[in-house]
Amino acid sequence: LLAVSTRCEELDDEDDGDNAEELGREFRLLPSLVHLTHVNLAIG
């Protein structure tokens, strides 16, 4: 499934220097990880 953040911001991962990448507002995950991801985000 496609996990989509409801927040507008994107994040630059600057810790990797030359390998820095921009993390977008979405990524894919297996169905078995939907609940784990949701609950961890919901409880902060």
All heavy atoms as atom14 arrays in JSON, in Angstrom:
{
  "sequence": "LLAVSTRCEELDDEDDGDNAEELGREFRLLPSLVHLTHVNLAIG",
  "atom14_mask": [
    [1, 1, 1, 1, 1, 1, 1, 1, 0, 0, 0, 0, 0, 0],
    [1, 1, 1, 1, 1, 1, 1, 1, 0, 0, 0, 0, 0, 0],
    [1, 1, 1, 1, 1, 0, 0, 0, 0, 0, 0, 0, 0, 0],
    [1, 1, 1, 1, 1, 1, 1, 0, 0, 0, 0, 0, 0, 0],
    [1, 1, 1, 1, 1, 1, 0, 0, 0, 0, 0, 0, 0, 0],
    [1, 1, 1, 1, 1, 1, 1, 0, 0, 0, 0, 0, 0, 0],
    [1, 1, 1, 1, 1, 1, 1, 1, 1, 1, 1, 0, 0, 0],
    [1, 1, 1, 1, 1, 1, 0, 0, 0, 0, 0, 0, 0, 0],
    [1, 1, 1, 1, 1, 1, 1, 1, 1, 0, 0, 0, 0, 0],
    [1, 1, 1, 1, 1, 1, 1, 1, 1, 0, 0, 0, 0, 0],
    [1, 1, 1, 1, 1, 1, 1, 1, 0, 0, 0, 0, 0, 0],
    [1, 1, 1, 1, 1, 1, 1, 1, 0, 0, 0, 0, 0, 0],
    [1, 1, 1, 1, 1, 1, 1, 1, 0, 0, 0, 0, 0, 0],
    [1, 1, 1, 1, 1, 1, 1, 1, 1, 0, 0, 0, 0, 0],
    [1, 1, 1, 1, 1, 1, 1, 1, 0, 0, 0, 0, 0, 0],
    [1, 1, 1, 1, 1, 1, 1, 1, 0, 0, 0, 0, 0, 0],
    [1, 1, 1, 1, 0, 0, 0, 0, 0, 0, 0, 0, 0, 0],
    [1, 1, 1, 1, 1, 1, 1, 1, 0, 0, 0, 0, 0, 0],
    [1, 1, 1, 1, 1, 1, 1, 1, 0, 0, 0, 0, 0, 0],
    [1, 1, 1, 1, 1, 0, 0, 0, 0, 0, 0, 0, 0, 0],
    [1, 1, 1, 1, 1, 1, 1, 1, 1, 0, 0, 0, 0, 0],
    [1, 1, 1, 1, 1, 1, 1, 1, 1, 0, 0, 0, 0, 0],
    [1, 1, 1, 1, 1, 1, 1, 1, 0, 0, 0, 0, 0, 0],
    [1, 1, 1, 1, 0, 0, 0, 0, 0, 0, 0, 0, 0, 0],
    [1, 1, 1, 1, 1, 1, 1, 1, 1, 1, 1, 0, 0, 0],
    [1, 1, 1, 1, 1, 1, 1, 1, 1, 0, 0, 0, 0, 0],
    [1, 1, 1, 1, 1, 1, 1, 1, 1, 1, 1, 0, 0, 0],
    [1, 1, 1, 1, 1, 1, 1, 1, 1, 1, 1, 0, 0, 0],
    [1, 1, 1, 1, 1, 1, 1, 1, 0, 0, 0, 0, 0, 0],
    [1, 1, 1, 1, 1, 1, 1, 1, 0, 0, 0, 0, 0, 0],
    [1, 1, 1, 1, 1, 1, 1, 0, 0, 0, 0, 0, 0, 0],
    [1, 1, 1, 1, 1, 1, 0, 0, 0, 0, 0, 0, 0, 0],
    [1, 1, 1, 1, 1, 1, 1, 1, 0, 0, 0, 0, 0, 0],
    [1, 1, 1, 1, 1, 1, 1, 0, 0, 0, 0, 0, 0, 0],
    [1, 1, 1, 1, 1, 1, 1, 1, 1, 1, 0, 0, 0, 0],
    [1, 1, 1, 1, 1, 1, 1, 1, 0, 0, 0, 0, 0, 0],
    [1, 1, 1, 1, 1, 1, 1, 0, 0, 0, 0, 0, 0, 0],
    [1, 1, 1, 1, 1, 1, 1, 1, 1, 1, 0, 0, 0, 0],
    [1, 1, 1, 1, 1, 1, 1, 0, 0, 0, 0, 0, 0, 0],
    [1, 1, 1, 1, 1, 1, 1, 1, 0, 0, 0, 0, 0, 0],
    [1, 1, 1, 1, 1, 1, 1, 1, 0, 0, 0, 0, 0, 0],
    [1, 1, 1, 1, 1, 0, 0, 0, 0, 0, 0, 0, 0, 0],
    [1, 1, 1, 1, 1, 1, 1, 1, 0, 0, 0, 0, 0, 0],
    [1, 1, 1, 1, 0, 0, 0, 0, 0, 0, 0, 0, 0, 0]
  ],
  "atom14_positions": [
    [[0.84, -1.19, 0.0], [0.0, 0.0, 0.0], [0.88, 1.24, 0.0], [2.06, 1.18, 0.35], [-0.92, 0.0, 1.23], [-2.01, -1.06, 1.17], [-1.65, -2.23, 2.02], [-3.33, -0.47, 1.57], [0.0, 0.0, 0.0], [0.0, 0.0, 0.0], [0.0, 0.0, 0.0], [0.0, 0.0, 0.0], [0.0, 0.0, 0.0], [0.0, 0.0, 0.0]],
    [[0.3, 2.36, -0.37], [1.01, 3.62, -0.36], [0.65, 4.37, 0.92], [-0.51, 4.7, 1.15], [0.61, 4.46, -1.58], [1.38, 5.76, -1.78], [2.85, 5.47, -2.09], [0.76, 6.57, -2.91], [0.0, 0.0, 0.0], [0.0, 0.0, 0.0], [0.0, 0.0, 0.0], [0.0, 0.0, 0.0], [0.0, 0.0, 0.0], [0.0, 0.0, 0.0]],
    [[1.64, 4.6, 1.77], [1.45, 5.38, 2.99], [1.67, 6.84, 2.62], [2.69, 7.18, 2.02], [2.44, 4.96, 4.07], [0.0, 0.0, 0.0], [0.0, 0.0, 0.0], [0.0, 0.0, 0.0], [0.0, 0.0, 0.0], [0.0, 0.0, 0.0], [0.0, 0.0, 0.0], [0.0, 0.0, 0.0], [0.0, 0.0, 0.0], [0.0, 0.0, 0.0]],
    [[0.72, 7.7, 2.97], [0.8, 9.11, 2.62], [0.66, 9.94, 3.89], [-0.32, 9.82, 4.61], [-0.32, 9.5, 1.62], [-0.23, 10.99, 1.27], [-0.24, 8.64, 0.37], [0.0, 0.0, 0.0], [0.0, 0.0, 0.0], [0.0, 0.0, 0.0], [0.0, 0.0, 0.0], [0.0, 0.0, 0.0], [0.0, 0.0, 0.0], [0.0, 0.0, 0.0]],
    [[1.64, 10.78, 4.14], [1.57, 11.69, 5.28], [0.5, 12.74, 4.99], [0.38, 13.23, 3.87], [2.91, 12.38, 5.49], [2.8, 13.39, 6.46], [0.0, 0.0, 0.0], [0.0, 0.0, 0.0], [0.0, 0.0, 0.0], [0.0, 0.0, 0.0], [0.0, 0.0, 0.0], [0.0, 0.0, 0.0], [0.0, 0.0, 0.0], [0.0, 0.0, 0.0]],
    [[-0.26, 13.08, 6.01], [-1.26, 14.13, 5.85], [-0.65, 15.5, 6.07], [-1.33, 16.51, 5.97], [-2.42, 13.92, 6.82], [-1.9, 13.92, 8.15], [-3.16, 12.63, 6.53], [0.0, 0.0, 0.0], [0.0, 0.0, 0.0], [0.0, 0.0, 0.0], [0.0, 0.0, 0.0], [0.0, 0.0, 0.0], [0.0, 0.0, 0.0], [0.0, 0.0, 0.0]],
    [[0.63, 15.55, 6.39], [1.35, 16.81, 6.59], [1.99, 17.24, 5.27], [2.4, 16.4, 4.48], [2.43, 16.67, 7.67], [1.92, 16.07, 8.97], [0.83, 16.94, 9.57], [0.25, 16.31, 10.75], [-1.03, 16.17, 10.96], [-1.91, 16.58, 10.07], [-1.49, 15.61, 12.06], [0.0, 0.0, 0.0], [0.0, 0.0, 0.0], [0.0, 0.0, 0.0]],
    [[2.12, 18.51, 5.06], [2.61, 19.03, 3.77], [4.13, 19.01, 3.62], [4.63, 19.01, 2.52], [2.11, 20.46, 3.57], [0.33, 20.54, 3.37], [0.0, 0.0, 0.0], [0.0, 0.0, 0.0], [0.0, 0.0, 0.0], [0.0, 0.0, 0.0], [0.0, 0.0, 0.0], [0.0, 0.0, 0.0], [0.0, 0.0, 0.0], [0.0, 0.0, 0.0]],
    [[4.84, 19.02, 4.72], [6.28, 19.17, 4.62], [6.98, 17.9, 4.13], [6.5, 16.8, 4.29], [6.88, 19.58, 5.97], [6.73, 18.53, 7.06], [5.42, 18.6, 7.85], [4.58, 19.45, 7.59], [5.26, 17.75, 8.72], [0.0, 0.0, 0.0], [0.0, 0.0, 0.0], [0.0, 0.0, 0.0], [0.0, 0.0, 0.0], [0.0, 0.0, 0.0]],
    [[8.11, 18.12, 3.49], [9.02, 17.04, 3.13], [10.24, 17.21, 4.0], [10.41, 18.25, 4.65], [9.37, 17.1, 1.65], [8.17, 16.8, 0.77], [8.51, 16.79, -0.7], [9.6, 17.27, -1.08], [7.69, 16.3, -1.48], [0.0, 0.0, 0.0], [0.0, 0.0, 0.0], [0.0, 0.0, 0.0], [0.0, 0.0, 0.0], [0.0, 0.0, 0.0]],
    [[11.1, 16.23, 4.04], [12.26, 16.28, 4.93], [13.52, 16.0, 4.15], [13.59, 15.06, 3.37], [12.09, 15.25, 6.05], [13.17, 15.2, 7.09], [13.1, 16.44, 7.98], [13.02, 13.95, 7.95], [0.0, 0.0, 0.0], [0.0, 0.0, 0.0], [0.0, 0.0, 0.0], [0.0, 0.0, 0.0], [0.0, 0.0, 0.0], [0.0, 0.0, 0.0]],
    [[14.52, 16.85, 4.36], [15.83, 16.57, 3.8], [16.63, 15.84, 4.84], [16.77, 16.29, 5.97], [16.56, 17.88, 3.44], [15.96, 18.53, 2.21], [15.63, 17.8, 1.28], [15.84, 19.77, 2.2], [0.0, 0.0, 0.0], [0.0, 0.0, 0.0], [0.0, 0.0, 0.0], [0.0, 0.0, 0.0], [0.0, 0.0, 0.0], [0.0, 0.0, 0.0]],
    [[17.14, 14.69, 4.47], [17.98, 13.91, 5.38], [19.41, 14.39, 5.15], [20.09, 13.94, 4.25], [17.84, 12.42, 5.08], [18.76, 11.57, 5.91], [19.1, 12.01, 7.03], [19.15, 10.5, 5.44], [0.0, 0.0, 0.0], [0.0, 0.0, 0.0], [0.0, 0.0, 0.0], [0.0, 0.0, 0.0], [0.0, 0.0, 0.0], [0.0, 0.0, 0.0]],
    [[19.86, 15.31, 5.99], [21.18, 15.93, 5.81], [22.28, 15.21, 6.55], [23.44, 15.58, 6.44], [21.11, 17.39, 6.25], [20.14, 18.18, 5.4], [19.99, 19.62, 5.85], [20.76, 20.05, 6.73], [19.11, 20.3, 5.33], [0.0, 0.0, 0.0], [0.0, 0.0, 0.0], [0.0, 0.0, 0.0], [0.0, 0.0, 0.0], [0.0, 0.0, 0.0]],
    [[21.96, 14.18, 7.3], [22.98, 13.48, 8.07], [23.96, 12.72, 7.2], [25.04, 12.37, 7.65], [22.33, 12.49, 9.06], [21.51, 13.21, 10.11], [21.81, 14.39, 10.39], [20.57, 12.59, 10.64], [0.0, 0.0, 0.0], [0.0, 0.0, 0.0], [0.0, 0.0, 0.0], [0.0, 0.0, 0.0], [0.0, 0.0, 0.0], [0.0, 0.0, 0.0]],
    [[23.59, 12.43, 5.96], [24.45, 11.62, 5.1], [25.35, 12.44, 4.18], [25.98, 11.88, 3.3], [23.59, 10.67, 4.26], [22.93, 9.61, 5.1], [23.47, 9.3, 6.17], [21.88, 9.1, 4.69], [0.0, 0.0, 0.0], [0.0, 0.0, 0.0], [0.0, 0.0, 0.0], [0.0, 0.0, 0.0], [0.0, 0.0, 0.0], [0.0, 0.0, 0.0]],
    [[25.42, 13.74, 4.36], [26.31, 14.57, 3.55], [25.99, 14.45, 2.07], [24.91, 14.8, 1.62], [0.0, 0.0, 0.0], [0.0, 0.0, 0.0], [0.0, 0.0, 0.0], [0.0, 0.0, 0.0], [0.0, 0.0, 0.0], [0.0, 0.0, 0.0], [0.0, 0.0, 0.0], [0.0, 0.0, 0.0], [0.0, 0.0, 0.0], [0.0, 0.0, 0.0]],
    [[26.96, 13.95, 1.29], [26.77, 13.84, -0.15], [25.67, 12.86, -0.54], [25.16, 12.9, -1.64], [28.08, 13.39, -0.82], [29.15, 14.46, -0.74], [28.79, 15.66, -0.63], [30.34, 14.12, -0.8], [0.0, 0.0, 0.0], [0.0, 0.0, 0.0], [0.0, 0.0, 0.0], [0.0, 0.0, 0.0], [0.0, 0.0, 0.0], [0.0, 0.0, 0.0]],
    [[25.31, 11.98, 0.37], [24.28, 10.99, 0.08], [22.91, 11.44, 0.56], [21.99, 10.64, 0.64], [24.62, 9.65, 0.72], [25.88, 9.05, 0.13], [26.14, 9.2, -1.04], [26.66, 8.4, 0.96], [0.0, 0.0, 0.0], [0.0, 0.0, 0.0], [0.0, 0.0, 0.0], [0.0, 0.0, 0.0], [0.0, 0.0, 0.0], [0.0, 0.0, 0.0]],
    [[22.79, 12.72, 0.9], [21.52, 13.23, 1.42], [20.41, 13.01, 0.4], [20.63, 13.12, -0.81], [21.62, 14.71, 1.77], [0.0, 0.0, 0.0], [0.0, 0.0, 0.0], [0.0, 0.0, 0.0], [0.0, 0.0, 0.0], [0.0, 0.0, 0.0], [0.0, 0.0, 0.0], [0.0, 0.0, 0.0], [0.0, 0.0, 0.0], [0.0, 0.0, 0.0]],
    [[19.25, 12.69, 0.89], [18.12, 12.48, 0.01], [16.91, 13.21, 0.58], [16.82, 13.46, 1.76], [17.81, 10.98, -0.12], [17.47, 10.32, 1.2], [17.34, 8.82, 1.07], [16.47, 8.39, 0.29], [18.08, 8.11, 1.73], [0.0, 0.0, 0.0], [0.0, 0.0, 0.0], [0.0, 0.0, 0.0], [0.0, 0.0, 0.0], [0.0, 0.0, 0.0]],
    [[16.02, 13.56, -0.29], [14.79, 14.19, 0.16], [13.75, 13.1, 0.36], [13.49, 12.3, -0.53], [14.3, 15.2, -0.88], [13.1, 15.98, -0.4], [12.72, 17.07, -1.37], [13.44, 18.07, -1.46], [11.69, 16.89, -2.04], [0.0, 0.0, 0.0], [0.0, 0.0, 0.0], [0.0, 0.0, 0.0], [0.0, 0.0, 0.0], [0.0, 0.0, 0.0]],
    [[13.21, 13.06, 1.56], [12.17, 12.08, 1.85], [10.83, 12.71, 1.56], [10.49, 13.75, 2.12], [12.25, 11.65, 3.32], [13.55, 10.98, 3.73], [13.56, 10.73, 5.23], [13.78, 9.69, 2.96], [0.0, 0.0, 0.0], [0.0, 0.0, 0.0], [0.0, 0.0, 0.0], [0.0, 0.0, 0.0], [0.0, 0.0, 0.0], [0.0, 0.0, 0.0]],
    [[10.09, 12.11, 0.67], [8.8, 12.66, 0.29], [7.72, 12.33, 1.3], [7.98, 11.78, 2.37], [0.0, 0.0, 0.0], [0.0, 0.0, 0.0], [0.0, 0.0, 0.0], [0.0, 0.0, 0.0], [0.0, 0.0, 0.0], [0.0, 0.0, 0.0], [0.0, 0.0, 0.0], [0.0, 0.0, 0.0], [0.0, 0.0, 0.0], [0.0, 0.0, 0.0]],
    [[6.52, 12.65, 0.95], [5.37, 12.45, 1.84], [4.75, 11.08, 1.67], [3.67, 10.82, 2.19], [4.3, 13.51, 1.52], [4.7, 14.9, 1.89], [3.59, 15.9, 1.62], [2.31, 15.43, 2.09], [1.18, 15.53, 1.39], [1.18, 16.06, 0.19], [0.04, 15.11, 1.89], [0.0, 0.0, 0.0], [0.0, 0.0, 0.0], [0.0, 0.0, 0.0]],
    [[5.39, 10.18, 0.94], [4.8, 8.87, 0.73], [5.87, 7.8, 0.56], [7.0, 8.09, 0.18], [3.87, 8.89, -0.48], [4.54, 9.34, -1.74], [3.55, 9.66, -2.85], [2.65, 10.49, -2.66], [3.71, 9.05, -3.93], [0.0, 0.0, 0.0], [0.0, 0.0, 0.0], [0.0, 0.0, 0.0], [0.0, 0.0, 0.0], [0.0, 0.0, 0.0]],
    [[5.48, 6.59, 0.89], [6.31, 5.41, 0.66], [5.39, 4.2, 0.64], [4.23, 4.28, 1.05], [7.4, 5.26, 1.75], [6.85, 5.01, 3.13], [6.62, 3.72, 3.59], [6.57, 6.07, 3.97], [6.11, 3.51, 4.87], [6.07, 5.87, 5.24], [5.83, 4.58, 5.69], [0.0, 0.0, 0.0], [0.0, 0.0, 0.0], [0.0, 0.0, 0.0]],
    [[5.89, 3.09, 0.15], [5.09, 1.87, 0.1], [5.44, 1.0, 1.3], [6.55, 1.05, 1.82], [5.34, 1.12, -1.2], [4.97, 1.99, -2.43], [4.71, 1.17, -3.64], [3.4, 0.55, -3.59], [2.25, 1.18, -3.85], [2.22, 2.44, -4.17], [1.11, 0.53, -3.79], [0.0, 0.0, 0.0], [0.0, 0.0, 0.0], [0.0, 0.0, 0.0]],
    [[4.47, 0.18, 1.71], [4.71, -0.77, 2.79], [3.81, -1.98, 2.61], [2.76, -1.89, 1.97], [4.49, -0.14, 4.16], [3.07, 0.1, 4.65], [3.1, 0.42, 6.14], [2.39, 1.21, 3.91], [0.0, 0.0, 0.0], [0.0, 0.0, 0.0], [0.0, 0.0, 0.0], [0.0, 0.0, 0.0], [0.0, 0.0, 0.0], [0.0, 0.0, 0.0]],
    [[4.24, -3.1, 3.18], [3.46, -4.31, 3.11], [2.2, -4.17, 3.97], [2.22, -3.46, 4.99], [4.29, -5.5, 3.59], [5.51, -5.84, 2.75], [6.24, -7.03, 3.36], [5.12, -6.13, 1.3], [0.0, 0.0, 0.0], [0.0, 0.0, 0.0], [0.0, 0.0, 0.0], [0.0, 0.0, 0.0], [0.0, 0.0, 0.0], [0.0, 0.0, 0.0]],
    [[1.13, -4.85, 3.6], [-0.1, -4.77, 4.4], [0.11, -5.13, 5.87], [-0.52, -4.56, 6.75], [-1.04, -5.76, 3.71], [-0.55, -5.83, 2.3], [0.94, -5.66, 2.4], [0.0, 0.0, 0.0], [0.0, 0.0, 0.0], [0.0, 0.0, 0.0], [0.0, 0.0, 0.0], [0.0, 0.0, 0.0], [0.0, 0.0, 0.0], [0.0, 0.0, 0.0]],
    [[1.02, -6.05, 6.15], [1.27, -6.48, 7.53], [1.87, -5.37, 8.4], [1.87, -5.48, 9.62], [2.19, -7.7, 7.55], [3.44, -7.38, 6.96], [0.0, 0.0, 0.0], [0.0, 0.0, 0.0], [0.0, 0.0, 0.0], [0.0, 0.0, 0.0], [0.0, 0.0, 0.0], [0.0, 0.0, 0.0], [0.0, 0.0, 0.0], [0.0, 0.0, 0.0]],
    [[2.34, -4.29, 7.78], [2.95, -3.2, 8.52], [2.04, -1.97, 8.66], [2.41, -1.0, 9.31], [4.27, -2.79, 7.86], [5.33, -3.88, 7.83], [6.54, -3.44, 7.03], [5.72, -4.28, 9.24], [0.0, 0.0, 0.0], [0.0, 0.0, 0.0], [0.0, 0.0, 0.0], [0.0, 0.0, 0.0], [0.0, 0.0, 0.0], [0.0, 0.0, 0.0]],
    [[0.87, -2.02, 8.08], [-0.05, -0.88, 8.13], [-0.41, -0.52, 9.57], [-0.32, 0.63, 9.98], [-1.31, -1.15, 7.28], [-2.43, -0.18, 7.6], [-0.96, -1.09, 5.8], [0.0, 0.0, 0.0], [0.0, 0.0, 0.0], [0.0, 0.0, 0.0], [0.0, 0.0, 0.0], [0.0, 0.0, 0.0], [0.0, 0.0, 0.0], [0.0, 0.0, 0.0]],
    [[-0.82, -1.5, 10.35], [-1.28, -1.22, 11.71], [-0.15, -0.76, 12.62], [-0.3, 0.2, 13.37], [-2.0, -2.44, 12.29], [-3.2, -2.8, 11.48], [-4.36, -2.08, 11.51], [-3.39, -3.79, 10.58], [-5.22, -2.6, 10.66], [-4.66, -3.64, 10.08], [0.0, 0.0, 0.0], [0.0, 0.0, 0.0], [0.0, 0.0, 0.0], [0.0, 0.0, 0.0]],
    [[0.99, -1.43, 12.52], [2.15, -1.03, 13.31], [2.54, 0.42, 13.01], [2.77, 1.22, 13.91], [3.33, -1.95, 13.01], [4.66, -1.55, 13.63], [4.66, -1.86, 15.12], [5.8, -2.27, 12.93], [0.0, 0.0, 0.0], [0.0, 0.0, 0.0], [0.0, 0.0, 0.0], [0.0, 0.0, 0.0], [0.0, 0.0, 0.0], [0.0, 0.0, 0.0]],
    [[2.58, 0.76, 11.74], [2.92, 2.12, 11.33], [1.89, 3.12, 11.84], [2.24, 4.13, 12.46], [3.03, 2.2, 9.79], [4.0, 1.25, 9.34], [3.43, 3.59, 9.34], [0.0, 0.0, 0.0], [0.0, 0.0, 0.0], [0.0, 0.0, 0.0], [0.0, 0.0, 0.0], [0.0, 0.0, 0.0], [0.0, 0.0, 0.0], [0.0, 0.0, 0.0]],
    [[0.62, 2.83, 11.62], [-0.45, 3.74, 12.04], [-0.42, 3.98, 13.55], [-0.48, 5.12, 14.0], [-1.81, 3.19, 11.62], [-2.93, 3.94, 12.25], [-3.29, 5.21, 11.85], [-3.74, 3.64, 13.29], [-4.28, 5.64, 12.61], [-4.57, 4.7, 13.49], [0.0, 0.0, 0.0], [0.0, 0.0, 0.0], [0.0, 0.0, 0.0], [0.0, 0.0, 0.0]],
    [[-0.37, 2.92, 14.33], [-0.41, 3.06, 15.79], [0.8, 3.83, 16.3], [0.67, 4.72, 17.15], [-0.56, 1.69, 16.48], [-0.35, 1.81, 17.99], [-1.93, 1.09, 16.19], [0.0, 0.0, 0.0], [0.0, 0.0, 0.0], [0.0, 0.0, 0.0], [0.0, 0.0, 0.0], [0.0, 0.0, 0.0], [0.0, 0.0, 0.0], [0.0, 0.0, 0.0]],
    [[1.98, 3.52, 15.8], [3.18, 4.24, 16.24], [3.11, 5.72, 15.91], [3.58, 6.56, 16.68], [4.44, 3.61, 15.66], [4.91, 2.44, 16.48], [5.46, 2.6, 17.55], [4.64, 1.24, 15.99], [0.0, 0.0, 0.0], [0.0, 0.0, 0.0], [0.0, 0.0, 0.0], [0.0, 0.0, 0.0], [0.0, 0.0, 0.0], [0.0, 0.0, 0.0]],
    [[2.51, 6.07, 14.78], [2.34, 7.48, 14.44], [1.26, 8.12, 15.31], [1.42, 9.24, 15.8], [1.98, 7.64, 12.97], [3.09, 7.26, 11.99], [2.57, 7.27, 10.56], [4.28, 8.18, 12.13], [0.0, 0.0, 0.0], [0.0, 0.0, 0.0], [0.0, 0.0, 0.0], [0.0, 0.0, 0.0], [0.0, 0.0, 0.0], [0.0, 0.0, 0.0]],
    [[0.17, 7.4, 15.55], [-0.96, 7.94, 16.32], [-0.57, 8.25, 17.76], [-1.03, 9.24, 18.33], [-2.14, 6.99, 16.28], [0.0, 0.0, 0.0], [0.0, 0.0, 0.0], [0.0, 0.0, 0.0], [0.0, 0.0, 0.0], [0.0, 0.0, 0.0], [0.0, 0.0, 0.0], [0.0, 0.0, 0.0], [0.0, 0.0, 0.0], [0.0, 0.0, 0.0]],
    [[0.29, 7.41, 18.35], [0.68, 7.64, 19.75], [1.95, 8.47, 19.87], [2.4, 8.75, 20.97], [0.83, 6.31, 20.52], [1.98, 5.47, 19.96], [-0.48, 5.55, 20.55], [2.29, 4.22, 20.76], [0.0, 0.0, 0.0], [0.0, 0.0, 0.0], [0.0, 0.0, 0.0], [0.0, 0.0, 0.0], [0.0, 0.0, 0.0], [0.0, 0.0, 0.0]],
    [[2.51, 8.86, 18.74], [3.7, 9.7, 18.76], [4.98, 8.96, 19.1], [6.01, 9.56, 19.41], [0.0, 0.0, 0.0], [0.0, 0.0, 0.0], [0.0, 0.0, 0.0], [0.0, 0.0, 0.0], [0.0, 0.0, 0.0], [0.0, 0.0, 0.0], [0.0, 0.0, 0.0], [0.0, 0.0, 0.0], [0.0, 0.0, 0.0], [0.0, 0.0, 0.0]]
  ]
}
